[in-house]
Each structure stands twice: as C-alpha cells, then as structure tokens.
Amino acid sequence: VRPDRPALPDGTPAEDKIAAIGIRLRRWVSFHGIAINVEPDLGHFGGIVPCGVSDHGVTSLVDLGLPVTMADLDLALKAAFEDVFGPAAIPVAEPSRKAG
C-alpha cells in the first residue's frame, strides 16, 4: 500500500486497477492505446489476473461513485488531449466524382 495515494471515502486505501495503457513498437512504427473501466461487469475479471497485477482488485469509475458514461469520458479525454497537444482540425477532402 502506498501512503501517498488517496483513500476511498471509507478510509481504505484505493489500490484497485482502473485503467491500462499499452504501447508497442514494430518496424519503427508505434502503436498505443488506453483502456479505462467506466462501467464494466467487474465479475468478468474474476477468472483473470489483469496485467499480471494479482495483489489488488479491479474497479471502475462508476464503482468508485463517479456517475459517468462513456460519452463523458470521451469528452474529458478529448479536452485533456487538446490541453496537452492543442486543438487539431484535420480537413477532409471531398470525394472526387467521375463524370459519366
């Protein structure tokens, strides 16, 4: 248990896994992703050891008392990304139309 981590409302240490970040490099190309438990059926984690972390359980945002949806998380991640990297607009070209 890490004393610098915040406790749950009842005072117990908050050490359950809530997210994962993945990075892979292959042939000089990077792949990355993030998984955040918003409101999964936590019973599905009973038969696995997520990311090899066997000393702690698994939780979700909703399980921790945060009534959020996937759409809420999407908006929060987008805002955080823009805070770090700046807003980005990618122009989409109109599809070419063949005469005929």
C-alpha atoms as a PDB file:
ATOM      1  CA  VAL A   1       0.000   0.000   0.000  1.00  0.00           C
ATOM      2  CA  ARG A   2       1.337   3.394  -0.975  1.00  0.00           C
ATOM      3  CA  PRO A   3       0.665   6.090   1.650  1.00  0.00           C
ATOM      4  CA  ASP A   4       0.790   8.867  -0.957  1.00  0.00           C
ATOM      5  CA  ARG A   5      -2.317   7.503  -2.708  1.00  0.00           C
ATOM      6  CA  PRO A   6      -5.763   8.891  -1.860  1.00  0.00           C
ATOM      7  CA  ALA A   7      -8.103   6.749   0.199  1.00  0.00           C
ATOM      8  CA  LEU A   8     -11.650   5.731  -0.620  1.00  0.00           C
ATOM      9  CA  PRO A   9     -14.474   7.579   1.163  1.00  0.00           C
ATOM     10  CA  ASP A  10     -14.471   4.932   3.922  1.00  0.00           C
ATOM     11  CA  GLY A  11     -10.729   5.479   4.535  1.00  0.00           C
ATOM     12  CA  THR A  12      -9.425   2.249   2.997  1.00  0.00           C
ATOM     13  CA  PRO A  13      -6.537   2.563   0.532  1.00  0.00           C
ATOM     14  CA  ALA A  14      -7.518   2.854  -3.127  1.00  0.00           C
ATOM     15  CA  GLU A  15      -5.285   0.316  -4.848  1.00  0.00           C
ATOM     16  CA  ASP A  16      -7.577  -1.383  -7.372  1.00  0.00           C
ATOM     17  CA  LYS A  17      -6.738  -1.362 -11.092  1.00  0.00           C
ATOM     18  CA  ILE A  18      -8.932   1.014 -13.097  1.00  0.00           C
ATOM     19  CA  ALA A  19      -7.042   1.506 -16.376  1.00  0.00           C
ATOM     20  CA  ALA A  20      -4.298   0.223 -18.644  1.00  0.00           C
ATOM     21  CA  ILE A  21      -2.019   1.895 -21.165  1.00  0.00           C
ATOM     22  CA  GLY A  22      -0.417  -0.090 -23.954  1.00  0.00           C
ATOM     23  CA  ILE A  23       2.479   0.798 -26.219  1.00  0.00           C
ATOM     24  CA  ARG A  24       4.010  -1.365 -28.942  1.00  0.00           C
ATOM     25  CA  LEU A  25       6.815  -0.671 -31.363  1.00  0.00           C
ATOM     26  CA  ARG A  26       7.082  -2.700 -34.551  1.00  0.00           C
ATOM     27  CA  ARG A  27       9.277  -1.933 -37.535  1.00  0.00           C
ATOM     28  CA  TRP A  28       9.808   1.672 -36.427  1.00  0.00           C
ATOM     29  CA  VAL A  29       6.066   2.262 -36.036  1.00  0.00           C
ATOM     30  CA  SER A  30       4.462   2.889 -32.656  1.00  0.00           C
ATOM     31  CA  PHE A  31       1.024   1.656 -31.658  1.00  0.00           C
ATOM     32  CA  HIS A  32      -0.662   2.835 -28.486  1.00  0.00           C
ATOM     33  CA  GLY A  33      -3.931   2.601 -26.648  1.00  0.00           C
ATOM     34  CA  ILE A  34      -5.714   3.175 -23.390  1.00  0.00           C
ATOM     35  CA  ALA A  35      -8.427   1.214 -21.604  1.00  0.00           C
ATOM     36  CA  ILE A  36     -10.400   2.794 -18.774  1.00  0.00           C
ATOM     37  CA  ASN A  37     -13.026   0.878 -16.817  1.00  0.00           C
ATOM     38  CA  VAL A  38     -16.103   3.096 -16.972  1.00  0.00           C
ATOM     39  CA  GLU A  39     -18.882   0.656 -16.011  1.00  0.00           C
ATOM     40  CA  PRO A  40     -17.921  -2.920 -16.899  1.00  0.00           C
ATOM     41  CA  ASP A  41     -19.341  -6.020 -15.249  1.00  0.00           C
ATOM     42  CA  LEU A  42     -16.485  -6.445 -12.756  1.00  0.00           C
ATOM     43  CA  GLY A  43     -17.426 -10.109 -12.326  1.00  0.00           C
ATOM     44  CA  HIS A  44     -15.823 -10.779 -15.705  1.00  0.00           C
ATOM     45  CA  PHE A  45     -12.420 -10.071 -14.156  1.00  0.00           C
ATOM     46  CA  GLY A  46     -12.819 -12.963 -11.697  1.00  0.00           C
ATOM     47  CA  GLY A  47     -11.132 -15.520 -13.928  1.00  0.00           C
ATOM     48  CA  ILE A  48      -8.110 -13.459 -14.987  1.00  0.00           C
ATOM     49  CA  VAL A  49      -5.231 -11.527 -13.462  1.00  0.00           C
ATOM     50  CA  PRO A  50      -5.390  -8.164 -15.269  1.00  0.00           C
ATOM     51  CA  CYS A  51      -1.919  -7.120 -16.464  1.00  0.00           C
ATOM     52  CA  GLY A  52      -0.378  -9.593 -14.028  1.00  0.00           C
ATOM     53  CA  VAL A  53      -1.427  -7.498 -11.014  1.00  0.00           C
ATOM     54  CA  SER A  54      -2.581 -10.146  -8.547  1.00  0.00           C
ATOM     55  CA  ASP A  55      -2.185  -8.190  -5.296  1.00  0.00           C
ATOM     56  CA  HIS A  56      -5.086  -5.813  -5.996  1.00  0.00           C
ATOM     57  CA  GLY A  57      -8.582  -5.943  -7.390  1.00  0.00           C
ATOM     58  CA  VAL A  58     -10.257  -4.197 -10.307  1.00  0.00           C
ATOM     59  CA  THR A  59     -12.612  -1.245 -10.124  1.00  0.00           C
ATOM     60  CA  SER A  60     -14.412   1.210 -12.388  1.00  0.00           C
ATOM     61  CA  LEU A  61     -15.301   4.884 -12.377  1.00  0.00           C
ATOM     62  CA  VAL A  62     -18.944   4.079 -11.613  1.00  0.00           C
ATOM     63  CA  ASP A  63     -17.928   1.600  -8.888  1.00  0.00           C
ATOM     64  CA  LEU A  64     -15.957   4.421  -7.241  1.00  0.00           C
ATOM     65  CA  GLY A  65     -19.080   6.569  -7.155  1.00  0.00           C
ATOM     66  CA  LEU A  66     -18.481   8.674 -10.280  1.00  0.00           C
ATOM     67  CA  PRO A  67     -21.724   8.573 -12.300  1.00  0.00           C
ATOM     68  CA  VAL A  68     -20.134   8.952 -15.742  1.00  0.00           C
ATOM     69  CA  THR A  69     -20.841   7.492 -19.157  1.00  0.00           C
ATOM     70  CA  MET A  70     -18.512   6.546 -21.983  1.00  0.00           C
ATOM     71  CA  ALA A  71     -19.545   9.789 -23.723  1.00  0.00           C
ATOM     72  CA  ASP A  72     -18.499  11.764 -20.619  1.00  0.00           C
ATOM     73  CA  LEU A  73     -15.121  10.028 -20.639  1.00  0.00           C
ATOM     74  CA  ASP A  74     -14.673  10.668 -24.378  1.00  0.00           C
ATOM     75  CA  LEU A  75     -15.259  14.401 -23.863  1.00  0.00           C
ATOM     76  CA  ALA A  76     -12.887  14.532 -20.876  1.00  0.00           C
ATOM     77  CA  LEU A  77     -10.142  12.681 -22.777  1.00  0.00           C
ATOM     78  CA  LYS A  78     -10.584  14.955 -25.804  1.00  0.00           C
ATOM     79  CA  ALA A  79     -10.323  18.067 -23.626  1.00  0.00           C
ATOM     80  CA  ALA A  80      -7.246  16.727 -21.814  1.00  0.00           C
ATOM     81  CA  PHE A  81      -5.605  15.801 -25.129  1.00  0.00           C
ATOM     82  CA  GLU A  82      -6.252  19.289 -26.505  1.00  0.00           C
ATOM     83  CA  ASP A  83      -4.852  20.859 -23.311  1.00  0.00           C
ATOM     84  CA  VAL A  84      -1.589  18.983 -23.832  1.00  0.00           C
ATOM     85  CA  PHE A  85      -1.257  18.945 -27.633  1.00  0.00           C
ATOM     86  CA  GLY A  86      -3.543  21.779 -28.759  1.00  0.00           C
ATOM     87  CA  PRO A  87      -6.689  21.526 -30.844  1.00  0.00           C
ATOM     88  CA  ALA A  88      -6.330  19.828 -34.178  1.00  0.00           C
ATOM     89  CA  ALA A  89      -8.618  20.026 -37.150  1.00  0.00           C
ATOM     90  CA  ILE A  90      -7.970  17.618 -39.974  1.00  0.00           C
ATOM     91  CA  PRO A  91      -9.529  18.733 -43.247  1.00  0.00           C
ATOM     92  CA  VAL A  92     -11.442  16.025 -45.053  1.00  0.00           C
ATOM     93  CA  ALA A  93     -11.299  16.154 -48.836  1.00  0.00           C
ATOM     94  CA  GLU A  94     -14.492  15.831 -50.806  1.00  0.00           C
ATOM     95  CA  PRO A  95     -14.599  12.546 -52.713  1.00  0.00           C
ATOM     96  CA  SER A  96     -13.916  13.029 -56.402  1.00  0.00           C
ATOM     97  CA  ARG A  97     -16.839  12.388 -58.690  1.00  0.00           C
ATOM     98  CA  LYS A  98     -16.339  10.768 -62.034  1.00  0.00           C
ATOM     99  CA  ALA A  99     -18.153  12.272 -64.976  1.00  0.00           C
ATOM    100  CA  GLY A 100     -20.234   9.917 -66.815  1.00  0.00           C
END
